[in-house]
Amino acid sequence: MMTPVRAALAAVLTTALLTVSGCGATVAGADGDLVDDWRPLTAPAFELPAAGTCVDRPASATFNPLALRGSTVGCDRGHRSEVVAVAAVEGGPAQASEAPARTSDAFRAAYVACGNAVSDYVGGDWHTGMLGIDVQMPAGAPWEGGLRSSVCSVHQLSDIYGRTASSTESLKGSLSGAAPKALRCFDVNGDKAGDWWGQIRALTPIDCAQPHEAEFVGTVQVGTAAGGPLPTAAQLKEWTSDRCWSAAAAYLGLTAAQLGARGDVGVAWDGFDDEEWQAGERTQRCLALFDPGRKARASVKGLGKRPLPV
């Protein structure tokens, strides 16, 4: 049973319809057919960020355009990530009921494309900087609403093990010219195990003219044919240690055997987390690691057989 208010409204609407169409009359400029003039609803328009947009929130696996826009700040203010590119999700993945998962080929392709875009944006291979990248796919509601774009962003790291840092400047060009975000020398926060390092908790950047205990020597590729979940630490060590050892030896201007004979320089690397591995990341960052307590006061590049510059 209708309430009096709803009944009154219904009566008004009925009168209005009769006024428009009663007695077969037509309204000037109309054809008398009220059905064929309805236009189909169009897909909602989504406002996506432009390259160079800085966002005061860490990137997550998915994004909502409204939330992203609400977190936009000037790049001279503290921010957690910076948009580098927006790319279309195309082909079969665009027809799916959900956005591509991190374990999918479509996501891995987007990750590779993002890495290339970030390297162009910062002016060098992003792996050689205190930088990380993120690919965000649309959240559930925007995807259902027709959004078919991914967002690629870059962020600054506070230490080489992937901890995100806030920035008050754009990262564009940060690996070109003076390359202020390039990996160079590091302070080690860790514990000794016998006469060498045991657990290393953090590797934070420091000027090479200052006392430091580690130095970036290059990147290596590991497990390139491997898929599935993140391999064990033992498997990653087997793939990585010899490659990083060779990179460190070349950096110091030594053979692998000559580096082994020094005894005061070893190697370390940054490793992966499961999300990076699932996305297809296979690049390890290698470092020369010095005797615990012995801090070099200059770069060891080309050091050869000379003593550490302590």
Protein backbone atom coordinates (compact mmCIF):
# COMPACT_ATOMS: atom_id res chain seq x y z
CA MET A 1 0.00 0.00 0.00
CA MET A 2 1.46 3.38 -1.00
CA THR A 3 1.94 6.09 1.57
CA PRO A 4 0.01 9.36 0.97
CA VAL A 5 3.22 11.11 -0.08
CA ARG A 6 4.12 8.47 -2.66
CA ALA A 7 0.52 8.38 -3.91
CA ALA A 8 0.56 12.14 -4.39
CA LEU A 9 3.85 11.94 -6.27
CA ALA A 10 2.50 9.16 -8.47
CA ALA A 11 -0.53 11.29 -9.29
CA VAL A 12 1.66 14.21 -10.27
CA LEU A 13 3.81 11.99 -12.51
CA THR A 14 0.72 10.49 -14.14
CA THR A 15 -0.65 13.93 -14.86
CA ALA A 16 2.67 14.98 -16.32
CA LEU A 17 2.77 11.98 -18.62
CA LEU A 18 -0.77 12.61 -19.75
CA THR A 19 0.12 16.21 -20.43
CA VAL A 20 2.99 15.08 -22.69
CA SER A 21 1.37 12.16 -24.49
CA GLY A 22 -2.39 12.25 -23.86
CA CYS A 23 -4.90 12.22 -26.73
CA GLY A 24 -2.17 11.30 -29.24
CA ALA A 25 -0.69 14.79 -29.23
CA THR A 26 3.04 15.24 -29.85
CA VAL A 27 5.45 17.78 -28.49
CA ALA A 28 7.03 20.13 -31.02
CA GLY A 29 10.34 18.72 -32.22
CA ALA A 30 9.53 15.14 -31.08
CA ASP A 31 8.40 12.12 -33.11
CA GLY A 32 5.94 10.81 -30.56
CA ASP A 33 8.09 7.77 -29.70
CA LEU A 34 9.57 8.12 -26.25
CA VAL A 35 11.57 4.88 -26.42
CA ASP A 36 13.87 5.33 -29.39
CA ASP A 37 15.27 8.64 -28.13
CA TRP A 38 17.05 7.14 -25.07
CA ARG A 39 20.83 7.07 -25.48
CA PRO A 40 22.80 4.12 -24.08
CA LEU A 41 24.82 4.83 -20.94
CA THR A 42 28.49 5.49 -21.64
CA ALA A 43 31.35 4.01 -19.62
CA PRO A 44 32.43 6.26 -16.75
CA ALA A 45 35.41 8.51 -17.42
CA PHE A 46 38.35 8.00 -15.07
CA GLU A 47 40.78 10.81 -14.37
CA LEU A 48 44.24 9.25 -14.28
CA PRO A 49 47.46 10.91 -13.08
CA ALA A 50 49.99 12.32 -15.53
CA ALA A 51 53.68 11.37 -15.51
CA GLY A 52 55.49 13.38 -12.85
CA THR A 53 52.57 13.39 -10.41
CA CYS A 54 53.76 12.92 -6.82
CA VAL A 55 51.61 11.00 -4.36
CA ASP A 56 51.76 11.11 -0.57
CA ARG A 57 50.98 7.45 -0.03
CA PRO A 58 52.99 4.29 -0.68
CA ALA A 59 52.00 2.39 -3.79
CA SER A 60 49.93 -0.75 -3.27
CA ALA A 61 48.96 -3.66 -5.52
CA THR A 62 45.82 -1.88 -6.74
CA PHE A 63 44.66 1.70 -7.09
CA ASN A 64 41.44 3.68 -7.11
CA PRO A 65 41.60 6.87 -9.21
CA LEU A 66 39.69 8.89 -6.61
CA ALA A 67 42.01 7.88 -3.77
CA LEU A 68 45.07 8.45 -5.93
CA ARG A 69 43.89 11.91 -6.93
CA GLY A 70 43.12 12.74 -3.30
CA SER A 71 46.72 11.93 -2.31
CA THR A 72 48.41 14.07 -4.97
CA VAL A 73 50.88 16.66 -3.64
CA GLY A 74 53.56 18.93 -5.04
CA CYS A 75 56.83 17.08 -5.56
CA ASP A 76 58.58 19.60 -3.28
CA ARG A 77 56.46 18.29 -0.41
CA GLY A 78 56.97 14.97 1.33
CA HIS A 79 55.69 12.17 -0.89
CA ARG A 80 56.04 8.40 -1.08
CA SER A 81 55.80 7.67 -4.81
CA GLU A 82 55.95 9.37 -8.19
CA VAL A 83 53.91 8.39 -11.25
CA VAL A 84 56.05 7.62 -14.29
CA ALA A 85 53.59 6.19 -16.81
CA VAL A 86 50.01 5.02 -17.31
CA ALA A 87 49.58 2.07 -19.68
CA ALA A 88 46.54 0.35 -21.17
CA VAL A 89 45.63 -3.23 -20.26
CA GLU A 90 44.82 -4.79 -23.63
CA GLY A 91 43.93 -8.08 -25.30
CA GLY A 92 42.56 -11.05 -23.42
CA PRO A 93 43.46 -9.72 -19.95
CA ALA A 94 41.26 -6.66 -20.60
CA GLN A 95 38.25 -8.96 -21.07
CA ALA A 96 38.69 -10.74 -17.74
CA SER A 97 36.40 -10.14 -14.79
CA GLU A 98 39.35 -9.07 -12.62
CA ALA A 99 42.54 -7.10 -13.19
CA PRO A 100 45.68 -9.16 -13.95
CA ALA A 101 47.14 -10.79 -10.85
CA ARG A 102 50.80 -10.36 -9.93
CA THR A 103 51.44 -13.98 -10.91
CA SER A 104 50.06 -13.49 -14.44
CA ASP A 105 51.96 -13.03 -17.69
CA ALA A 106 50.08 -9.75 -18.24
CA PHE A 107 51.33 -8.35 -14.93
CA ARG A 108 54.89 -9.45 -15.60
CA ALA A 109 54.78 -7.75 -19.00
CA ALA A 110 53.50 -4.58 -17.31
CA TYR A 111 56.34 -4.83 -14.76
CA VAL A 112 58.98 -5.06 -17.50
CA ALA A 113 57.42 -2.10 -19.34
CA CYS A 114 57.33 -0.12 -16.09
CA GLY A 115 60.98 -0.85 -15.39
CA ASN A 116 61.95 0.39 -18.84
CA ALA A 117 59.82 3.53 -18.41
CA VAL A 118 61.34 4.25 -14.99
CA SER A 119 64.90 3.83 -16.33
CA ASP A 120 64.13 6.35 -19.07
CA TYR A 121 62.55 8.70 -16.52
CA VAL A 122 65.43 8.65 -14.02
CA GLY A 123 68.17 8.62 -16.66
CA GLY A 124 69.75 5.22 -16.03
CA ASP A 125 69.00 1.63 -15.05
CA TRP A 126 66.77 2.05 -12.00
CA HIS A 127 68.38 -1.00 -10.37
CA THR A 128 71.58 1.07 -9.96
CA GLY A 129 69.83 3.69 -7.82
CA MET A 130 68.26 3.92 -4.37
CA LEU A 131 64.97 3.33 -6.12
CA GLY A 132 62.08 0.89 -6.30
CA ILE A 133 59.22 0.52 -8.75
CA ASP A 134 55.57 -0.43 -8.48
CA VAL A 135 52.88 -1.50 -10.93
CA GLN A 136 49.32 -0.92 -9.74
CA MET A 137 46.29 -2.45 -11.40
CA PRO A 138 42.76 -1.03 -10.97
CA ALA A 139 40.93 -1.99 -7.79
CA GLY A 140 37.76 -4.09 -8.07
CA ALA A 141 35.15 -1.34 -8.46
CA PRO A 142 37.05 0.74 -11.07
CA TRP A 143 37.84 -2.43 -13.04
CA GLU A 144 34.18 -3.41 -13.02
CA GLY A 145 33.39 0.13 -14.14
CA GLY A 146 35.55 -0.27 -17.22
CA LEU A 147 38.95 1.09 -16.18
CA ARG A 148 41.66 -0.75 -18.11
CA SER A 149 44.87 1.10 -17.22
CA SER A 150 47.81 0.32 -14.96
CA VAL A 151 49.90 2.91 -13.13
CA CYS A 152 53.71 2.65 -13.04
CA SER A 153 55.49 4.57 -10.29
CA VAL A 154 58.93 4.96 -8.74
CA HIS A 155 59.87 5.56 -5.11
CA GLN A 156 62.98 6.32 -3.11
CA LEU A 157 64.58 3.80 -0.76
CA SER A 158 66.05 4.48 2.66
CA ASP A 159 68.27 1.40 2.52
CA ILE A 160 69.16 -1.13 -0.14
CA TYR A 161 66.83 -3.77 1.31
CA GLY A 162 63.78 -2.04 -0.13
CA ARG A 163 62.45 0.16 2.69
CA THR A 164 60.58 3.11 1.21
CA ALA A 165 61.63 6.65 2.10
CA SER A 166 59.77 9.93 1.76
CA SER A 167 61.15 12.40 -0.79
CA THR A 168 60.84 16.18 -1.14
CA GLU A 169 61.98 16.38 -4.76
CA SER A 170 61.19 14.73 -8.06
CA LEU A 171 63.15 11.61 -8.95
CA LYS A 172 63.16 12.49 -12.64
CA GLY A 173 66.75 12.51 -13.92
CA SER A 174 68.08 11.33 -10.56
CA LEU A 175 70.48 8.84 -12.20
CA SER A 176 71.81 11.23 -14.83
CA GLY A 177 74.47 13.93 -14.50
CA ALA A 178 75.63 13.99 -10.88
CA ALA A 179 73.21 11.06 -10.28
CA PRO A 180 72.23 11.97 -6.70
CA LYS A 181 70.29 8.72 -6.20
CA ALA A 182 72.95 6.37 -7.58
CA LEU A 183 74.09 3.42 -5.45
CA ARG A 184 77.59 4.09 -4.13
CA CYS A 185 78.79 3.48 -0.56
CA PHE A 186 76.94 2.15 2.48
CA ASP A 187 76.99 2.02 6.23
CA VAL A 188 76.33 -1.49 7.58
CA ASN A 189 73.98 -2.20 10.46
CA GLY A 190 74.66 -5.80 11.39
CA ASP A 191 76.27 -8.30 13.70
CA LYS A 192 79.55 -10.22 13.55
CA ALA A 193 79.65 -14.00 13.35
CA GLY A 194 83.16 -15.06 14.27
CA ASP A 195 85.61 -13.02 12.21
CA TRP A 196 83.07 -12.01 9.54
CA TRP A 197 79.60 -10.54 9.23
CA GLY A 198 76.60 -12.55 10.38
CA GLN A 199 73.18 -10.99 10.05
CA ILE A 200 72.98 -7.67 8.20
CA ARG A 201 69.88 -5.66 9.10
CA ALA A 202 70.35 -2.57 6.93
CA LEU A 203 72.63 -1.03 4.34
CA THR A 204 72.10 2.73 4.29
CA PRO A 205 73.75 5.11 1.78
CA ILE A 206 76.64 7.29 2.87
CA ASP A 207 79.13 9.51 1.04
CA CYS A 208 82.14 7.48 -0.12
CA ALA A 209 84.47 10.05 1.48
CA GLN A 210 82.99 9.07 4.85
CA PRO A 211 83.90 5.85 6.69
CA HIS A 212 81.86 3.04 5.15
CA GLU A 213 81.78 -0.73 5.22
CA ALA A 214 80.22 -1.63 1.86
CA GLU A 215 80.24 -0.39 -1.72
CA PHE A 216 77.99 -1.09 -4.71
CA VAL A 217 79.85 -3.02 -7.44
CA GLY A 218 77.14 -3.80 -10.02
CA THR A 219 74.09 -5.93 -10.80
CA VAL A 220 73.70 -9.56 -11.86
CA GLN A 221 70.84 -11.62 -13.25
CA VAL A 222 69.85 -14.81 -11.41
CA GLY A 223 67.26 -17.54 -11.89
CA THR A 224 66.10 -16.08 -15.20
CA ALA A 225 64.43 -19.32 -16.31
CA ALA A 226 62.83 -20.01 -12.93
CA GLY A 227 59.17 -19.34 -12.24
CA GLY A 228 56.75 -20.09 -9.45
CA PRO A 229 57.14 -18.96 -5.84
CA LEU A 230 60.25 -17.37 -4.37
CA PRO A 231 63.11 -19.92 -4.19
CA THR A 232 64.72 -20.76 -0.88
CA ALA A 233 67.48 -18.60 0.54
CA ALA A 234 69.93 -21.43 -0.12
CA GLN A 235 68.96 -21.59 -3.80
CA LEU A 236 69.22 -17.83 -4.21
CA LYS A 237 72.65 -17.87 -2.53
CA GLU A 238 73.82 -20.59 -4.90
CA TRP A 239 72.70 -18.55 -7.90
CA THR A 240 74.04 -15.24 -6.60
CA SER A 241 77.26 -15.62 -4.61
CA ASP A 242 79.62 -16.52 -7.47
CA ARG A 243 78.11 -13.89 -9.78
CA CYS A 244 78.42 -11.13 -7.18
CA TRP A 245 81.95 -12.34 -6.33
CA SER A 246 82.95 -11.91 -9.98
CA ALA A 247 81.34 -8.47 -10.08
CA ALA A 248 83.21 -7.39 -6.94
CA ALA A 249 86.52 -8.73 -8.26
CA ALA A 250 86.09 -6.83 -11.54
CA TYR A 251 85.20 -3.65 -9.63
CA LEU A 252 88.38 -3.85 -7.56
CA GLY A 253 90.45 -4.74 -10.64
CA LEU A 254 91.19 -8.29 -9.50
CA THR A 255 90.51 -11.83 -10.61
CA ALA A 256 88.09 -13.89 -8.54
CA ALA A 257 91.04 -15.82 -7.07
CA GLN A 258 92.91 -12.62 -6.19
CA LEU A 259 89.85 -11.28 -4.41
CA GLY A 260 89.62 -14.52 -2.45
CA ALA A 261 93.24 -14.13 -1.39
CA ARG A 262 92.63 -10.68 0.11
CA GLY A 263 90.56 -11.94 3.03
CA ASP A 264 89.34 -8.47 4.00
CA VAL A 265 86.67 -8.06 1.28
CA GLY A 266 83.60 -10.22 0.76
CA VAL A 267 80.24 -9.74 -0.94
CA ALA A 268 76.61 -9.05 -0.09
CA TRP A 269 73.45 -8.59 -2.16
CA ASP A 270 69.98 -7.19 -1.68
CA GLY A 271 67.76 -10.23 -2.40
CA PHE A 272 64.08 -10.43 -3.40
CA ASP A 273 60.75 -10.62 -1.68
CA ASP A 274 58.00 -12.91 -2.98
CA GLU A 275 56.06 -10.10 -4.69
CA GLU A 276 59.12 -8.96 -6.64
CA TRP A 277 59.91 -12.51 -7.68
CA GLN A 278 56.32 -13.21 -8.78
CA ALA A 279 56.37 -10.00 -10.86
CA GLY A 280 59.43 -11.27 -12.71
CA GLU A 281 62.24 -9.36 -10.98
CA ARG A 282 65.56 -11.20 -11.43
CA THR A 283 68.18 -8.49 -10.82
CA GLN A 284 70.37 -8.66 -7.74
CA ARG A 285 72.38 -5.65 -6.54
CA CYS A 286 75.88 -6.70 -5.47
CA LEU A 287 78.12 -5.02 -2.91
CA ALA A 288 81.71 -5.40 -1.79
CA LEU A 289 81.60 -5.93 1.98
CA PHE A 290 84.60 -5.07 4.15
CA ASP A 291 85.97 -6.67 7.29
CA PRO A 292 83.76 -5.84 10.30
CA GLY A 293 85.12 -2.75 12.02
CA ARG A 294 87.31 -1.74 9.07
CA LYS A 295 85.78 1.29 7.38
CA ALA A 296 87.13 2.59 4.09
CA ARG A 297 87.39 6.37 3.67
CA ALA A 298 87.40 6.35 -0.13
CA SER A 299 86.00 4.25 -2.95
CA VAL A 300 87.65 0.86 -3.49
CA LYS A 301 87.03 0.90 -7.25
CA GLY A 302 90.26 -0.22 -8.96
CA LEU A 303 91.91 -0.79 -5.57
CA GLY A 304 93.64 -3.98 -6.75
CA LYS A 305 95.94 -5.53 -4.16
CA ARG A 306 96.46 -2.33 -2.19
CA PRO A 307 95.23 -2.13 1.43
CA LEU A 308 91.78 -0.80 2.20
CA PRO A 309 91.87 3.03 2.46
CA VAL A 310 90.95 3.07 6.15
